[in-house]
Amino acid sequence: MNTHGRAFGFIAAVFAIGVASGAMGMHVYELKMHTPPVISIDYQEDSHAALDEMAKQLRLNDSQRERVQTILDECIMEEAELLMRVKQIQQTGRGRILEVLEPEQRTDFETLFSRAATN
């Protein structure tokens, strides 16, 4: 395989790992927030395929592969925690806004908020 082909394969593997990590993070976030998943992906299969490709392109030994998998797993969990924190910040901000509003304004705010959430 030429250098350009290898570079493309490496970039594709890194991209696939990123997609799998992001999807897994969203899945964990949705599970913790008790919401139905937005997309359906076999996260384990996708992440293993991406890791396989990365290991092949980089010629990782077993120890390196194991350490990379651990790092990816940790990153997925960190992403999920960040997403949960963002949701908490949004809910806190919404509650603070509601405290400022008069009762009729609260109704209008809830309508606006619901409309924005569905878009």
C-alpha atoms as a PDB file:
ATOM      1  CA  MET A   1       0.000   0.000   0.000  1.00  0.00           C
ATOM      2  CA  ASN A   2       1.428   3.430  -0.871  1.00  0.00           C
ATOM      3  CA  THR A   3       1.951   6.243   1.634  1.00  0.00           C
ATOM      4  CA  HIS A   4      -1.187   8.121   0.554  1.00  0.00           C
ATOM      5  CA  GLY A   5      -3.301   4.997   0.887  1.00  0.00           C
ATOM      6  CA  ARG A   6      -1.934   4.332   4.352  1.00  0.00           C
ATOM      7  CA  ALA A   7      -2.517   7.925   5.426  1.00  0.00           C
ATOM      8  CA  PHE A   8      -6.074   7.793   4.108  1.00  0.00           C
ATOM      9  CA  GLY A   9      -6.670   4.508   5.927  1.00  0.00           C
ATOM     10  CA  PHE A  10      -5.304   5.953   9.153  1.00  0.00           C
ATOM     11  CA  ILE A  11      -7.482   9.063   8.867  1.00  0.00           C
ATOM     12  CA  ALA A  12     -10.514   6.900   8.104  1.00  0.00           C
ATOM     13  CA  ALA A  13      -9.784   4.737  11.155  1.00  0.00           C
ATOM     14  CA  VAL A  14      -9.401   7.759  13.434  1.00  0.00           C
ATOM     15  CA  PHE A  15     -12.628   9.227  12.038  1.00  0.00           C
ATOM     16  CA  ALA A  16     -14.459   5.930  12.568  1.00  0.00           C
ATOM     17  CA  ILE A  17     -13.203   5.719  16.143  1.00  0.00           C
ATOM     18  CA  GLY A  18     -14.383   9.294  16.743  1.00  0.00           C
ATOM     19  CA  VAL A  19     -17.810   8.497  15.333  1.00  0.00           C
ATOM     20  CA  ALA A  20     -18.062   5.331  17.396  1.00  0.00           C
ATOM     21  CA  SER A  21     -16.898   7.147  20.537  1.00  0.00           C
ATOM     22  CA  GLY A  22     -19.365   9.977  20.020  1.00  0.00           C
ATOM     23  CA  ALA A  23     -22.193   7.565  19.333  1.00  0.00           C
ATOM     24  CA  MET A  24     -21.332   5.528  22.407  1.00  0.00           C
ATOM     25  CA  GLY A  25     -21.157   8.686  24.499  1.00  0.00           C
ATOM     26  CA  MET A  26     -24.606   9.712  23.278  1.00  0.00           C
ATOM     27  CA  HIS A  27     -25.913   6.233  24.010  1.00  0.00           C
ATOM     28  CA  VAL A  28     -24.599   6.335  27.585  1.00  0.00           C
ATOM     29  CA  TYR A  29     -25.970   9.866  28.017  1.00  0.00           C
ATOM     30  CA  GLU A  30     -29.405   8.825  26.746  1.00  0.00           C
ATOM     31  CA  LEU A  31     -29.449   5.807  29.050  1.00  0.00           C
ATOM     32  CA  LYS A  32     -28.601   7.967  32.059  1.00  0.00           C
ATOM     33  CA  MET A  33     -31.196  10.575  31.074  1.00  0.00           C
ATOM     34  CA  HIS A  34     -33.821   7.847  30.451  1.00  0.00           C
ATOM     35  CA  THR A  35     -34.593   9.067  26.955  1.00  0.00           C
ATOM     36  CA  PRO A  36     -35.028   6.848  23.925  1.00  0.00           C
ATOM     37  CA  PRO A  37     -31.983   6.611  21.663  1.00  0.00           C
ATOM     38  CA  VAL A  38     -32.020   8.941  18.679  1.00  0.00           C
ATOM     39  CA  ILE A  39     -30.016   6.591  16.476  1.00  0.00           C
ATOM     40  CA  SER A  40     -29.465   2.872  16.520  1.00  0.00           C
ATOM     41  CA  ILE A  41     -25.856   1.759  16.164  1.00  0.00           C
ATOM     42  CA  ASP A  42     -24.048  -1.339  17.355  1.00  0.00           C
ATOM     43  CA  TYR A  43     -21.519   0.666  19.352  1.00  0.00           C
ATOM     44  CA  GLN A  44     -19.355  -2.240  20.439  1.00  0.00           C
ATOM     45  CA  GLU A  45     -19.116  -3.684  16.945  1.00  0.00           C
ATOM     46  CA  ASP A  46     -18.368  -0.273  15.394  1.00  0.00           C
ATOM     47  CA  SER A  47     -15.757   0.669  17.996  1.00  0.00           C
ATOM     48  CA  HIS A  48     -14.079  -2.740  17.720  1.00  0.00           C
ATOM     49  CA  ALA A  49     -13.991  -2.473  13.922  1.00  0.00           C
ATOM     50  CA  ALA A  50     -12.502   1.017  14.157  1.00  0.00           C
ATOM     51  CA  LEU A  51      -9.959  -0.148  16.744  1.00  0.00           C
ATOM     52  CA  ASP A  52      -9.095  -3.139  14.548  1.00  0.00           C
ATOM     53  CA  GLU A  53      -8.429  -0.805  11.634  1.00  0.00           C
ATOM     54  CA  MET A  54      -6.377   1.557  13.791  1.00  0.00           C
ATOM     55  CA  ALA A  55      -4.361  -1.354  15.219  1.00  0.00           C
ATOM     56  CA  LYS A  56      -3.721  -2.626  11.710  1.00  0.00           C
ATOM     57  CA  GLN A  57      -2.698   0.761  10.288  1.00  0.00           C
ATOM     58  CA  LEU A  58      -0.454   1.603  13.247  1.00  0.00           C
ATOM     59  CA  ARG A  59       0.734  -1.968  13.791  1.00  0.00           C
ATOM     60  CA  LEU A  60      -0.186  -1.826  17.487  1.00  0.00           C
ATOM     61  CA  ASN A  61       1.009  -4.664  19.670  1.00  0.00           C
ATOM     62  CA  ASP A  62      -1.434  -6.291  22.097  1.00  0.00           C
ATOM     63  CA  SER A  63      -0.385  -4.074  24.986  1.00  0.00           C
ATOM     64  CA  GLN A  64      -0.792  -0.889  22.937  1.00  0.00           C
ATOM     65  CA  ARG A  65      -4.147  -2.036  21.612  1.00  0.00           C
ATOM     66  CA  GLU A  66      -5.384  -2.717  25.135  1.00  0.00           C
ATOM     67  CA  ARG A  67      -4.202   0.692  26.347  1.00  0.00           C
ATOM     68  CA  VAL A  68      -5.802   2.476  23.371  1.00  0.00           C
ATOM     69  CA  GLN A  69      -9.086   0.660  24.068  1.00  0.00           C
ATOM     70  CA  THR A  70      -8.930   1.770  27.711  1.00  0.00           C
ATOM     71  CA  ILE A  71      -8.321   5.371  26.641  1.00  0.00           C
ATOM     72  CA  LEU A  72     -11.251   5.268  24.212  1.00  0.00           C
ATOM     73  CA  ASP A  73     -13.523   3.789  26.882  1.00  0.00           C
ATOM     74  CA  GLU A  74     -12.504   6.518  29.336  1.00  0.00           C
ATOM     75  CA  CYS A  75     -13.131   9.218  26.727  1.00  0.00           C
ATOM     76  CA  ILE A  76     -16.598   7.826  26.037  1.00  0.00           C
ATOM     77  CA  MET A  77     -17.460   8.017  29.726  1.00  0.00           C
ATOM     78  CA  GLU A  78     -16.077  11.556  30.005  1.00  0.00           C
ATOM     79  CA  GLU A  79     -18.210  12.624  27.021  1.00  0.00           C
ATOM     80  CA  ALA A  80     -21.300  11.144  28.645  1.00  0.00           C
ATOM     81  CA  GLU A  81     -20.559  12.959  31.902  1.00  0.00           C
ATOM     82  CA  LEU A  82     -20.097  16.247  30.027  1.00  0.00           C
ATOM     83  CA  LEU A  83     -23.389  15.776  28.200  1.00  0.00           C
ATOM     84  CA  MET A  84     -25.139  15.153  31.512  1.00  0.00           C
ATOM     85  CA  ARG A  85     -23.547  18.302  32.945  1.00  0.00           C
ATOM     86  CA  VAL A  86     -24.720  20.368  29.943  1.00  0.00           C
ATOM     87  CA  LYS A  87     -28.258  19.063  30.473  1.00  0.00           C
ATOM     88  CA  GLN A  88     -28.093  20.033  34.163  1.00  0.00           C
ATOM     89  CA  ILE A  89     -26.869  23.532  33.282  1.00  0.00           C
ATOM     90  CA  GLN A  90     -29.714  23.950  30.788  1.00  0.00           C
ATOM     91  CA  GLN A  91     -32.299  22.814  33.338  1.00  0.00           C
ATOM     92  CA  THR A  92     -30.873  25.127  36.015  1.00  0.00           C
ATOM     93  CA  GLY A  93     -30.911  28.076  33.616  1.00  0.00           C
ATOM     94  CA  ARG A  94     -34.492  27.335  32.632  1.00  0.00           C
ATOM     95  CA  GLY A  95     -35.528  27.216  36.300  1.00  0.00           C
ATOM     96  CA  ARG A  96     -33.782  30.510  37.000  1.00  0.00           C
ATOM     97  CA  ILE A  97     -35.564  32.150  34.059  1.00  0.00           C
ATOM     98  CA  LEU A  98     -38.922  30.827  35.279  1.00  0.00           C
ATOM     99  CA  GLU A  99     -38.297  32.422  38.702  1.00  0.00           C
ATOM    100  CA  VAL A 100     -37.963  35.840  37.037  1.00  0.00           C
ATOM    101  CA  LEU A 101     -41.181  35.561  35.011  1.00  0.00           C
ATOM    102  CA  GLU A 102     -44.760  36.354  35.962  1.00  0.00           C
ATOM    103  CA  PRO A 103     -47.234  33.411  35.810  1.00  0.00           C
ATOM    104  CA  GLU A 104     -48.599  34.335  32.355  1.00  0.00           C
ATOM    105  CA  GLN A 105     -45.044  34.825  31.067  1.00  0.00           C
ATOM    106  CA  ARG A 106     -44.124  31.390  32.377  1.00  0.00           C
ATOM    107  CA  THR A 107     -46.852  29.849  30.247  1.00  0.00           C
ATOM    108  CA  ASP A 108     -45.557  31.705  27.188  1.00  0.00           C
ATOM    109  CA  PHE A 109     -41.986  30.702  28.040  1.00  0.00           C
ATOM    110  CA  GLU A 110     -42.976  27.037  28.321  1.00  0.00           C
ATOM    111  CA  THR A 111     -44.678  27.287  24.910  1.00  0.00           C
ATOM    112  CA  LEU A 112     -41.573  28.873  23.382  1.00  0.00           C
ATOM    113  CA  PHE A 113     -39.332  26.352  25.112  1.00  0.00           C
ATOM    114  CA  SER A 114     -41.419  23.413  23.867  1.00  0.00           C
ATOM    115  CA  ARG A 115     -41.438  24.768  20.320  1.00  0.00           C
ATOM    116  CA  ALA A 116     -37.654  25.293  20.364  1.00  0.00           C
ATOM    117  CA  ALA A 117     -37.085  21.790  21.750  1.00  0.00           C
ATOM    118  CA  THR A 118     -38.998  20.165  18.877  1.00  0.00           C
ATOM    119  CA  ASN A 119     -37.088  22.102  16.180  1.00  0.00           C
END
